[in-house]
Amino acid sequence: MTQITLRRPDDWHLHLRDGEMLAGIAPESARHFGRAIIMPNLVPPVVTGDQAAAYRDRILGALPEGSGFAPLMTLYLTETTDPSDVAAAFDAGIITALKLYPAGATTNSASGVRDFDKVRPVLELMAEKGIPLCVHGEVVDSDIDIFDREAVFIDRVLDPIRRATPGLRVVMEHITTKQGVDYARAGGDDLGATITTHHLVINRNHILVGGIKPHYYCLPVAKREEHRLALREAATSGDASFFLGTDSAPHADPAKESACGCAGCFTATNTLSILAEVFEQDGALDKLEAFASRNGPAFYRLPVSEETVTLVKGDPVTYPAKIETGAGPVTVFDPGMPLHWRVEG
């Protein structure tokens, strides 16, 4: 196969930042994707419907003229989130979901949840109205190894939340482990899971062998090869439980290449070429549309895009090594392999 046409993909987990960084990197996602779930972990975070509406306006203002890209907004769940504000924002079409960050789990997560009893009224409202909860699934206890945080979160936090709140619709974002795959697969219609582009490509050796590679450092951190292979099998299976959420997370190079570098891989620019390469390697090009274009809308109860994109296989594609922004250069994720699939329309 040398050509494949897909319904236009959506990105169900995206960081666009704000200000000069937003202006510089928003066109990278808008080029290939129709919609994206926008992360709310700005400083300060997006915690009210009014703030989400204002942020959406800033995103739309940063898009190229004529772009049809639709940002789907989320609220950052805190222990003081007002259920009535959540209901009003959802009913008005301002927000699509809420985002749960355990406090301290990742970039700009200090305002996250520590006491889950304090957010129970919000979770119950969400279950009643069918509002999805997007979950950063890691515990942050100092005695838990960083490579075990996801598996422990499933047992200690996620499963109890779901049992206590029947009907709550949950997205396990950026799963990185076989345990995450297995739990998502067995979770029923109210549970879905996003998988990033970079976690399909790298394992923890890529970060650490031969010197520290800061542009491969992300949270959740990449795990052992057995977990990467479990993610590949899940993504390429066509199983409706799994869909694309790039977690494309731009940081200016000085913030990545420092004594305490920021977590995040920036994949917005070349994701579709990487995915086509991965799915072809696994003999699953016929499943790419399900993962990138169909399973996500089905979970979020949204229509599949009426637009299409075509990928054509040929000579290796060249992407820029960096995206220049007013906030500084952002390094584009290097998959470490030639990419032969070019997006044409």
Foldseek 3Di string as FASTA:
>chain_A
DFKDKFQQFEAAAEEQAADFSNLQCLQLQLVGHAEYEYAQLYVPGAAFLVSLQVVQVRNVVSYDPPGNYHYAYEHEDALPRDLVRVVVSVVVSSHQAYEADAAPQAPNRPRHDDDVVSCVVNQQSCLVVVREYEYQQFDDDPVDDLQCGNVVSVVPPVVVVCVVHPNHAYEDEQDAFLSVLVCLLPPPLSYAYEHALLLLQDAQCVQPPPHGDLLQFAPSHHHDPVRSVSVLCSLLVLPLRYAHHHQQDWDAVVQSPDPDHHHHHHASNCRVLSLCVSNVVVVRNVSNNSRGFNSVCVSSVHDTHPHMKMKGFDFFDDDDQWGQTPNHITGHDDSPDTGGIDIDD
